[in-house]
Each structure stands twice: as C-alpha cells, then as structure tokens.
Amino acid sequence: MDFLTRLTSGRPIVADGAMGTMLQAAGLPPGKTGEFWVLERPEAVAAVHRAYVEAGAELILTCTFGGTRPRLARSGLAERVAEVNRRAVEIARQAADGRAFVAGDIGPLGELLAPLGKRTYQEAVDLFAEQAAALAEAGVDVLYIETMSALDEARAAVEGARRAAPHLPITLTFSFDTHGRTNMGVRPEQVARTAQEWGVAAFGANCGATLEMTGEALQKMRAAAPDAVLIAKPNAGLPRMVEGKPVYDATPEMMSDFAARAAALGARIIGGCCGSTPDHIRAIARRLAA
C-alpha cells in the first residue's frame, strides 16, 4: 500500500516522536546537530528510528530537519547537502525494515525572507528544492515540511519540494505557540485556506507551546477546512529548565488522550514532537488501535 492510500484509509497513521531530544539524551554534544550524527554516528540515529518503529510508529521522519544548505552551514556541512540527506534516508529505510513509511523531513531555513530578511523568495525555493531532490532520489515516501511559522517560507518549501519531486506527496505543518498563532503571526485558519490552495496531501500543527494550543489549532483548521486531511504532532507539553536541561511534563497517558481528541477532529497522522519518546508513541499507538 502506498503512502497516499494509507493516509486516507483505515485508522490514523501513528508517526514517530522527537529525534533531537532523543539524540541529546544519547549524548549528542551541545551545539551539534542530528545531521552531524547522520554522518558521524549513524548507529545512534538508527537506534532512535528503530525504537519508534518497535513502539508502533508507521511513519518515521528522516534526521534532516536542518538539512538545508543554510542550516548545514552552521555545522560546516554546507557542501554535503546531498550526502547528508541521502544518508539519512538510507538509515531510516534500514531501520523501518518495511514496517513504516519514511518521510523526508524538511524544516525551516532559520532565516527570514525579504523584506524582513536578506534571503529572497526564489533563493529559498532553490534551497528547499536542493534538499527535497536529495531526499526524493534516496527514496522517501513523502516530503514532510514541518515547524513552519511564515506563509512565504512555507510556500517556498512547497514550491521547492514540488519542483524537485512532482511525483511525491507533500505534507505541511506549522507551529502555533504565540497566543494561538505562529511566532510570525499566522493563524490556523490562514494555514488551512492556503494549504488547501497549494494542494498538499495533508496539513496541520506540530511542536507548539502546549497540547491545548495544538488542539485548538486543529479545531480551527477543521472548522475552516472540514474535508482536509490533518496532522497532529505536538511537543510532550511545555518544557521547563531543570539543571540547564529542558524537561517535558506530558506523560504518555496525556499524549494518548490528546491523540484520541486529535483523531476525533479528523487527524490522519498523529505523533509527537520535542520531548516525546518511544513510550509516548507506544501509548498513542495503543490508544488509536483500541
């Protein structure tokens, strides 16, 4: 069964949880990114993927959230965009072992587009297309654009992904964490309307400040687009700092309750973001299978 068929049939797809916080727990040094370990410690990345598949995830995201050229430049990897993204797909494919779909994860550039920043819209399209092409060539099932906050950057990501791989489905999620809006002021209703216009396979909310805020965003998206295919992938609650490290308070039970609510709103992809672990995903999988 291909990804689009599965997306629209049966129970919701259980997605994986956090990658970054899991790698940090495994010893990823401060200041280093998961993409660095894709090359230097692929076994650690594979272990996270396998843990999520064993917990019941049917969709795992490649370790390429920061896989665009500007983000990789911060780790001295700007000239290894294709290598990093292709290797990440290989790691995920091997870990999935035919039991889960592999999503090519595409995060924000980490830069503002003009006129607020120096990066032009067309440059952004080209940068996203570069990453998407490497992910597509390596064999992902879907291009998964996430944690967006600005509509212009999201549009550039969708355009770049579509240009690089017109044969692949594209999904899109925004992060709502500022009074029900993204940190660039975008409302859930705006996301619903524009994402439908762009023709993505599914859209929704990920990361965010609280489970409640993500749930409210989904409700508003559903109201604005009653027939849309939605995605819910929230953080494991609001983090607080303990001895210099973020601690997330949402328990697996709390995440499973959220998953049930998200499914009732029509979410077809449900998982976790920052702070979530295989225990959270296991609880979600069990709840959605009940």
Protein backbone atom coordinates (compact mmCIF):
# COMPACT_ATOMS: atom_id res chain seq x y z
CA MET A 1 0.00 0.00 0.00
CA ASP A 2 1.42 3.41 -0.94
CA PHE A 3 1.51 6.36 1.43
CA LEU A 4 -1.45 8.27 -0.03
CA THR A 5 -3.69 5.20 0.04
CA ARG A 6 -2.77 4.53 3.67
CA LEU A 7 -3.27 8.20 4.54
CA THR A 8 -6.92 8.07 3.55
CA SER A 9 -7.88 4.58 4.71
CA GLY A 10 -8.16 2.73 7.98
CA ARG A 11 -7.22 4.19 11.34
CA PRO A 12 -4.89 7.21 11.64
CA ILE A 13 -1.20 6.74 10.88
CA VAL A 14 0.95 6.74 14.02
CA ALA A 15 4.00 8.92 13.44
CA ASP A 16 7.23 8.91 15.42
CA GLY A 17 8.28 11.26 18.21
CA ALA A 18 11.24 13.53 18.81
CA MET A 19 14.62 12.94 17.21
CA GLY A 20 16.67 15.85 18.57
CA THR A 21 15.88 15.38 22.25
CA MET A 22 16.38 11.63 21.91
CA LEU A 23 19.84 12.14 20.38
CA GLN A 24 20.73 14.63 23.09
CA ALA A 25 19.78 12.02 25.68
CA ALA A 26 22.08 9.59 23.84
CA GLY A 27 24.98 12.00 24.18
CA LEU A 28 24.79 14.39 21.22
CA PRO A 29 27.13 17.21 22.32
CA PRO A 30 25.71 20.71 22.85
CA GLY A 31 25.92 22.72 19.67
CA LYS A 32 25.97 19.63 17.45
CA THR A 33 23.01 18.76 15.25
CA GLY A 34 21.40 15.45 14.44
CA GLU A 35 22.58 15.85 10.85
CA PHE A 36 26.17 15.78 12.15
CA TRP A 37 25.49 12.37 13.68
CA VAL A 38 23.92 11.14 10.44
CA LEU A 39 27.48 11.11 9.14
CA GLU A 40 29.48 10.51 12.32
CA ARG A 41 27.27 8.20 14.39
CA PRO A 42 24.61 6.73 12.12
CA GLU A 43 24.03 3.84 14.53
CA ALA A 44 22.71 6.28 17.14
CA VAL A 45 20.24 7.77 14.66
CA ALA A 46 19.17 4.30 13.55
CA ALA A 47 18.57 3.27 17.16
CA VAL A 48 16.07 6.11 17.61
CA HIS A 49 14.24 5.17 14.41
CA ARG A 50 14.08 1.50 15.44
CA ALA A 51 12.78 2.38 18.90
CA TYR A 52 9.88 4.29 17.35
CA VAL A 53 9.07 1.50 14.89
CA GLU A 54 9.09 -1.01 17.74
CA ALA A 55 6.75 1.32 19.67
CA GLY A 56 4.24 1.23 16.82
CA ALA A 57 5.18 4.15 14.56
CA GLU A 58 4.09 3.63 10.97
CA LEU A 59 5.75 6.84 9.75
CA ILE A 60 9.28 7.89 10.69
CA LEU A 61 10.91 11.19 9.79
CA THR A 62 14.46 11.32 8.48
CA CYS A 63 17.04 13.10 10.64
CA THR A 64 17.12 16.05 8.25
CA PHE A 65 15.12 18.79 9.97
CA GLY A 66 18.15 21.05 9.46
CA GLY A 67 19.12 19.52 6.14
CA THR A 68 19.00 22.65 4.01
CA ARG A 69 22.25 24.33 2.97
CA PRO A 70 21.97 27.34 5.36
CA ARG A 71 21.28 25.11 8.37
CA LEU A 72 24.03 22.64 7.48
CA ALA A 73 26.48 25.52 7.04
CA ARG A 74 26.33 26.08 10.80
CA SER A 75 27.89 22.64 11.26
CA GLY A 76 30.39 23.08 8.46
CA LEU A 77 28.39 20.76 6.20
CA ALA A 78 27.15 23.23 3.59
CA GLU A 79 28.84 21.37 0.74
CA ARG A 80 27.46 18.00 1.84
CA VAL A 81 23.71 18.64 1.45
CA ALA A 82 23.08 15.71 -0.89
CA GLU A 83 25.27 13.35 1.13
CA VAL A 84 23.64 14.15 4.47
CA ASN A 85 20.09 13.86 3.17
CA ARG A 86 20.68 10.68 1.19
CA ARG A 87 22.47 9.03 4.09
CA ALA A 88 19.66 9.97 6.45
CA VAL A 89 17.14 8.28 4.16
CA GLU A 90 19.29 5.14 3.97
CA ILE A 91 19.45 4.99 7.78
CA ALA A 92 15.70 5.45 8.14
CA ARG A 93 14.89 2.91 5.41
CA GLN A 94 17.06 0.26 7.04
CA ALA A 95 15.55 0.95 10.46
CA ALA A 96 11.99 0.89 9.09
CA ASP A 97 12.65 -2.55 7.59
CA GLY A 98 9.47 -2.38 5.56
CA ARG A 99 7.28 -1.77 8.61
CA ALA A 100 6.98 2.02 8.36
CA PHE A 101 6.81 4.73 5.73
CA VAL A 102 9.80 7.08 5.55
CA ALA A 103 9.14 10.82 5.43
CA GLY A 104 11.79 13.21 4.18
CA ASP A 105 11.88 15.83 6.93
CA ILE A 106 12.27 19.45 5.79
CA GLY A 107 12.46 22.18 8.44
CA PRO A 108 12.72 25.97 8.19
CA LEU A 109 15.81 27.67 6.81
CA GLY A 110 16.39 29.51 10.07
CA GLU A 111 16.40 32.82 8.19
CA LEU A 112 13.80 35.47 7.47
CA LEU A 113 12.84 36.09 3.88
CA ALA A 114 12.84 39.54 2.33
CA PRO A 115 11.73 42.20 3.15
CA LEU A 116 12.26 41.21 6.80
CA GLY A 117 15.48 39.38 5.98
CA LYS A 118 18.05 39.18 3.19
CA ARG A 119 17.05 35.83 1.70
CA THR A 120 14.92 36.22 -1.43
CA TYR A 121 11.90 34.07 -2.07
CA GLN A 122 13.45 32.45 -5.14
CA GLU A 123 16.63 31.66 -3.22
CA ALA A 124 14.50 29.93 -0.60
CA VAL A 125 12.72 27.88 -3.27
CA ASP A 126 16.07 26.78 -4.69
CA LEU A 127 17.41 25.81 -1.25
CA PHE A 128 14.34 23.74 -0.40
CA ALA A 129 14.41 22.13 -3.85
CA GLU A 130 18.05 21.12 -3.31
CA GLN A 131 17.19 19.26 -0.12
CA ALA A 132 13.97 17.79 -1.49
CA ALA A 133 15.75 16.44 -4.56
CA ALA A 134 18.27 14.54 -2.42
CA LEU A 135 15.53 13.12 -0.20
CA ALA A 136 13.44 12.09 -3.20
CA GLU A 137 16.35 10.48 -5.03
CA ALA A 138 17.12 8.42 -1.92
CA GLY A 139 13.58 7.04 -1.89
CA VAL A 140 11.32 8.73 0.67
CA ASP A 141 7.58 8.08 0.57
CA VAL A 142 6.55 11.67 1.30
CA LEU A 143 8.19 15.08 1.66
CA TYR A 144 7.32 16.28 5.15
CA ILE A 145 7.63 20.06 5.64
CA GLU A 146 7.31 20.97 9.32
CA THR A 147 7.56 23.61 12.06
CA MET A 148 6.84 26.49 9.70
CA SER A 149 5.88 29.89 11.06
CA ALA A 150 5.70 32.15 7.98
CA LEU A 151 3.45 31.65 4.98
CA ASP A 152 6.01 32.87 2.46
CA GLU A 153 8.64 30.41 3.65
CA ALA A 154 6.11 27.57 3.71
CA ARG A 155 5.07 28.40 0.16
CA ALA A 156 8.72 28.41 -0.91
CA ALA A 157 9.20 24.99 0.70
CA VAL A 158 6.14 23.54 -1.03
CA GLU A 159 7.19 25.04 -4.36
CA GLY A 160 10.73 23.73 -4.00
CA ALA A 161 9.56 20.27 -2.99
CA ARG A 162 7.11 20.08 -5.87
CA ARG A 163 9.71 21.24 -8.36
CA ALA A 164 12.23 18.68 -7.17
CA ALA A 165 9.85 15.74 -6.87
CA PRO A 166 6.49 16.29 -8.58
CA HIS A 167 5.69 12.59 -8.14
CA LEU A 168 5.80 12.66 -4.32
CA PRO A 169 3.06 13.72 -1.90
CA ILE A 170 3.83 16.74 0.26
CA THR A 171 2.64 17.42 3.80
CA LEU A 172 2.95 20.65 5.78
CA THR A 173 2.73 21.61 9.44
CA PHE A 174 3.03 24.90 11.29
CA SER A 175 3.98 25.51 14.91
CA PHE A 176 1.49 27.53 16.97
CA ASP A 177 2.98 28.95 20.13
CA THR A 178 2.09 32.63 20.47
CA HIS A 179 -1.49 33.26 21.59
CA GLY A 180 -2.78 30.66 19.16
CA ARG A 181 -0.68 31.94 16.27
CA THR A 182 2.78 31.15 14.93
CA ASN A 183 5.62 33.39 16.03
CA MET A 184 5.17 35.20 12.72
CA GLY A 185 1.50 35.85 13.47
CA VAL A 186 -0.08 33.25 11.19
CA ARG A 187 -3.46 31.91 12.32
CA PRO A 188 -4.60 28.27 11.91
CA GLU A 189 -7.43 29.38 9.65
CA GLN A 190 -4.92 31.03 7.30
CA VAL A 191 -2.89 27.83 7.16
CA ALA A 192 -5.98 25.79 6.35
CA ARG A 193 -7.05 28.03 3.48
CA THR A 194 -3.63 28.46 1.91
CA ALA A 195 -2.51 24.84 2.34
CA GLN A 196 -5.64 23.71 0.54
CA GLU A 197 -4.89 26.14 -2.28
CA TRP A 198 -1.37 24.73 -2.54
CA GLY A 199 -2.74 21.20 -2.87
CA VAL A 200 -0.69 19.47 -0.19
CA ALA A 201 -1.75 15.96 0.80
CA ALA A 202 -2.19 16.87 4.47
CA PHE A 203 -1.50 19.77 6.79
CA GLY A 204 -1.69 20.53 10.47
CA ALA A 205 0.21 21.50 13.59
CA ASN A 206 3.42 20.29 15.19
CA CYS A 207 5.70 21.36 18.04
CA GLY A 208 3.92 24.32 19.70
CA ALA A 209 3.76 25.56 23.26
CA THR A 210 1.19 23.20 24.79
CA LEU A 211 -1.00 20.24 23.90
CA GLU A 212 -4.02 22.50 24.35
CA MET A 213 -2.72 25.09 21.93
CA THR A 214 -2.06 22.46 19.29
CA GLY A 215 -5.53 21.03 19.87
CA GLU A 216 -7.11 24.46 19.46
CA ALA A 217 -5.20 24.99 16.22
CA LEU A 218 -6.54 21.70 14.88
CA GLN A 219 -10.09 22.67 15.81
CA LYS A 220 -9.77 25.96 13.93
CA MET A 221 -8.27 24.22 10.91
CA ARG A 222 -11.09 21.69 10.88
CA ALA A 223 -13.67 24.48 11.05
CA ALA A 224 -12.00 26.33 8.18
CA ALA A 225 -11.46 23.20 6.06
CA PRO A 226 -13.97 20.49 7.03
CA ASP A 227 -12.72 17.98 4.43
CA ALA A 228 -8.99 18.44 4.96
CA VAL A 229 -6.58 15.69 5.99
CA LEU A 230 -4.98 16.91 9.22
CA ILE A 231 -1.71 16.21 11.06
CA ALA A 232 -1.11 16.45 14.83
CA LYS A 233 2.45 16.12 16.16
CA PRO A 234 2.74 18.19 19.37
CA ASN A 235 5.55 18.56 21.87
CA ALA A 236 5.28 16.50 25.06
CA GLY A 237 3.92 19.52 26.88
CA LEU A 238 5.57 22.81 27.72
CA PRO A 239 9.27 22.39 28.57
CA ARG A 240 10.81 23.76 31.76
CA MET A 241 14.50 24.01 32.53
CA VAL A 242 15.93 21.71 35.21
CA GLU A 243 19.68 21.92 35.82
CA GLY A 244 20.13 23.54 32.43
CA LYS A 245 18.18 20.90 30.52
CA PRO A 246 14.61 21.03 29.17
CA VAL A 247 12.14 18.71 30.88
CA TYR A 248 8.80 17.93 29.24
CA ASP A 249 5.91 17.17 31.56
CA ALA A 250 3.34 15.49 29.30
CA THR A 251 3.08 11.81 30.24
CA PRO A 252 2.41 9.02 27.74
CA GLU A 253 -1.15 8.89 29.07
CA MET A 254 -1.64 12.61 28.44
CA MET A 255 -0.31 12.22 24.91
CA SER A 256 -2.59 9.27 24.26
CA ASP A 257 -5.59 11.33 25.45
CA PHE A 258 -4.54 14.10 23.08
CA ALA A 259 -4.21 11.57 20.25
CA ALA A 260 -7.78 10.43 20.80
CA ARG A 261 -9.02 14.02 20.67
CA ALA A 262 -6.97 14.70 17.54
CA ALA A 263 -8.36 11.60 15.84
CA ALA A 264 -11.89 12.76 16.68
CA LEU A 265 -11.09 16.04 14.92
CA GLY A 266 -10.08 14.08 11.83
CA ALA A 267 -6.30 13.98 12.18
CA ARG A 268 -4.88 11.22 9.99
CA ILE A 269 -1.23 11.48 11.09
CA ILE A 270 -0.67 11.62 14.85
CA GLY A 271 2.65 11.50 16.69
CA GLY A 272 4.90 13.59 18.90
CA CYS A 273 7.48 16.34 18.59
CA CYS A 274 10.07 17.73 21.05
CA GLY A 275 10.36 15.80 24.29
CA SER A 276 8.28 12.84 23.14
CA THR A 277 9.80 9.37 23.42
CA PRO A 278 9.02 5.82 22.27
CA ASP A 279 6.93 5.47 25.45
CA HIS A 280 4.71 8.34 24.29
CA ILE A 281 4.38 6.85 20.81
CA ARG A 282 3.61 3.40 22.23
CA ALA A 283 0.78 4.90 24.28
CA ILE A 284 -0.56 6.73 21.21
CA ALA A 285 -0.41 3.57 19.08
CA ARG A 286 -2.26 1.54 21.68
CA ARG A 287 -4.94 4.20 22.09
CA LEU A 288 -5.55 4.56 18.37
CA ALA A 289 -5.69 0.78 17.91
CA ALA A 290 -8.30 0.36 20.64
